[in-house]
C-alpha cells in the first residue's frame, strides 16, 4: 500500500491511536495492532514506513513506552488494513 492509502485509512478512523487495526501482510500471518506515532513518525511516514504495536503488547507499552515493543513495517508489505 502507498503512504497515501494508509494515510487515508488513518484519517477515516476517529482516534487512530486508540483504534485497533487488522493488518493483512504479504509474507507473514495477519496481525492485530495499533499505528504508533513515535518520535520519528513524520520522517518514517514520508518514506512509507510505519510503527505498529501488537494488541497483546498494549499494556506493556502504556507502562514503559519501550520502543523495542514496536514493529516497523514498510507500507508495501500491507495487503489490507481494517479498523476493528
C-alpha atoms as a PDB file:
ATOM      1  CA  UNK A   1       0.000   0.000   0.000  1.00  0.00           C
ATOM      2  CA  UNK A   2       1.144   3.523  -0.611  1.00  0.00           C
ATOM      3  CA  UNK A   3       1.548   6.105   2.134  1.00  0.00           C
ATOM      4  CA  UNK A   4      -1.451   7.967   0.701  1.00  0.00           C
ATOM      5  CA  UNK A   5      -3.666   4.870   1.019  1.00  0.00           C
ATOM      6  CA  UNK A   6      -2.525   4.282   4.605  1.00  0.00           C
ATOM      7  CA  UNK A   7      -2.940   7.970   5.449  1.00  0.00           C
ATOM      8  CA  UNK A   8      -6.480   7.810   4.105  1.00  0.00           C
ATOM      9  CA  UNK A   9      -7.260   4.877   6.420  1.00  0.00           C
ATOM     10  CA  UNK A  10      -5.842   6.770   9.400  1.00  0.00           C
ATOM     11  CA  UNK A  11      -7.839   9.908   8.610  1.00  0.00           C
ATOM     12  CA  UNK A  12     -11.074   7.894   8.445  1.00  0.00           C
ATOM     13  CA  UNK A  13     -10.573   6.389  11.902  1.00  0.00           C
ATOM     14  CA  UNK A  14     -11.785   8.797  14.605  1.00  0.00           C
ATOM     15  CA  UNK A  15      -8.869   8.315  17.015  1.00  0.00           C
ATOM     16  CA  UNK A  16      -6.145   6.370  15.217  1.00  0.00           C
ATOM     17  CA  UNK A  17      -4.000   5.988  18.372  1.00  0.00           C
ATOM     18  CA  UNK A  18      -6.888   4.215  20.099  1.00  0.00           C
ATOM     19  CA  UNK A  19      -8.197   2.313  17.092  1.00  0.00           C
ATOM     20  CA  UNK A  20      -7.044  -1.266  16.654  1.00  0.00           C
ATOM     21  CA  UNK A  21      -6.447  -2.476  13.124  1.00  0.00           C
ATOM     22  CA  UNK A  22      -6.159  -5.851  11.437  1.00  0.00           C
ATOM     23  CA  UNK A  23      -3.115  -5.924   9.169  1.00  0.00           C
ATOM     24  CA  UNK A  24      -3.070  -8.431   6.327  1.00  0.00           C
ATOM     25  CA  UNK A  25       0.529  -8.861   5.226  1.00  0.00           C
ATOM     26  CA  UNK A  26       2.043 -10.281   2.048  1.00  0.00           C
ATOM     27  CA  UNK A  27       4.544 -12.738   3.537  1.00  0.00           C
ATOM     28  CA  UNK A  28       3.512 -13.033   7.188  1.00  0.00           C
ATOM     29  CA  UNK A  29       0.489 -14.013   9.170  1.00  0.00           C
ATOM     30  CA  UNK A  30      -2.134 -11.390   9.852  1.00  0.00           C
ATOM     31  CA  UNK A  31      -1.616  -9.310  12.999  1.00  0.00           C
ATOM     32  CA  UNK A  32      -3.810  -7.009  15.066  1.00  0.00           C
ATOM     33  CA  UNK A  33      -2.435  -3.814  16.476  1.00  0.00           C
ATOM     34  CA  UNK A  34      -2.195  -0.055  16.527  1.00  0.00           C
ATOM     35  CA  UNK A  35      -0.338   2.538  14.495  1.00  0.00           C
ATOM     36  CA  UNK A  36       2.058   4.341  16.844  1.00  0.00           C
ATOM     37  CA  UNK A  37       3.159   7.939  16.484  1.00  0.00           C
ATOM     38  CA  UNK A  38       6.764   7.636  17.706  1.00  0.00           C
ATOM     39  CA  UNK A  39       9.382  10.387  17.792  1.00  0.00           C
ATOM     40  CA  UNK A  40      10.484   9.877  14.162  1.00  0.00           C
ATOM     41  CA  UNK A  41       6.969   9.300  12.842  1.00  0.00           C
ATOM     42  CA  UNK A  42       6.978  12.110  10.267  1.00  0.00           C
ATOM     43  CA  UNK A  43      10.332  11.092   8.825  1.00  0.00           C
ATOM     44  CA  UNK A  44       9.330   7.419   8.529  1.00  0.00           C
ATOM     45  CA  UNK A  45       5.878   8.300   7.215  1.00  0.00           C
ATOM     46  CA  UNK A  46       7.448  10.286   4.381  1.00  0.00           C
ATOM     47  CA  UNK A  47       9.302   7.109   3.364  1.00  0.00           C
ATOM     48  CA  UNK A  48       6.191   4.898   3.801  1.00  0.00           C
ATOM     49  CA  UNK A  49       7.375   3.141   6.978  1.00  0.00           C
ATOM     50  CA  UNK A  50       5.022   2.571   9.894  1.00  0.00           C
ATOM     51  CA  UNK A  51       5.356   1.599  13.544  1.00  0.00           C
ATOM     52  CA  UNK A  52       2.826  -0.999  14.644  1.00  0.00           C
ATOM     53  CA  UNK A  53       2.189  -2.118  18.221  1.00  0.00           C
ATOM     54  CA  UNK A  54       0.586  -5.543  18.566  1.00  0.00           C
ATOM     55  CA  UNK A  55      -2.552  -5.580  20.707  1.00  0.00           C
ATOM     56  CA  UNK A  56      -1.048  -8.084  23.147  1.00  0.00           C
ATOM     57  CA  UNK A  57       1.769  -5.595  23.922  1.00  0.00           C
ATOM     58  CA  UNK A  58      -0.503  -2.582  24.566  1.00  0.00           C
ATOM     59  CA  UNK A  59      -0.443  -2.688  28.379  1.00  0.00           C
ATOM     60  CA  UNK A  60       3.331  -3.030  28.491  1.00  0.00           C
ATOM     61  CA  UNK A  61       3.709  -0.142  26.012  1.00  0.00           C
ATOM     62  CA  UNK A  62       1.462   2.131  28.071  1.00  0.00           C
ATOM     63  CA  UNK A  63       3.516   1.398  31.179  1.00  0.00           C
ATOM     64  CA  UNK A  64       7.005   1.661  29.682  1.00  0.00           C
ATOM     65  CA  UNK A  65       6.893   3.242  26.178  1.00  0.00           C
ATOM     66  CA  UNK A  66       9.669   0.809  25.335  1.00  0.00           C
ATOM     67  CA  UNK A  67      10.433   1.242  21.600  1.00  0.00           C
ATOM     68  CA  UNK A  68      11.559  -2.402  21.419  1.00  0.00           C
ATOM     69  CA  UNK A  69       7.886  -3.385  21.551  1.00  0.00           C
ATOM     70  CA  UNK A  70       7.170  -1.680  18.215  1.00  0.00           C
ATOM     71  CA  UNK A  71       7.334  -3.409  14.860  1.00  0.00           C
ATOM     72  CA  UNK A  72       8.481  -1.397  11.857  1.00  0.00           C
ATOM     73  CA  UNK A  73       6.845  -2.189   8.522  1.00  0.00           C
ATOM     74  CA  UNK A  74       7.289  -0.719   5.065  1.00  0.00           C
ATOM     75  CA  UNK A  75       3.900   0.207   3.652  1.00  0.00           C
ATOM     76  CA  UNK A  76       4.254  -2.048   0.637  1.00  0.00           C
ATOM     77  CA  UNK A  77       4.007  -5.227   2.780  1.00  0.00           C
ATOM     78  CA  UNK A  78       0.396  -4.421   3.726  1.00  0.00           C
ATOM     79  CA  UNK A  79      -2.269  -6.058   1.596  1.00  0.00           C
ATOM     80  CA  UNK A  80      -5.209  -4.697   3.562  1.00  0.00           C
ATOM     81  CA  UNK A  81      -5.777  -2.719   6.748  1.00  0.00           C
ATOM     82  CA  UNK A  82      -9.128  -2.868   8.520  1.00  0.00           C
ATOM     83  CA  UNK A  83     -10.241  -0.997  11.630  1.00  0.00           C
ATOM     84  CA  UNK A  84     -11.580  -3.302  14.332  1.00  0.00           C
END
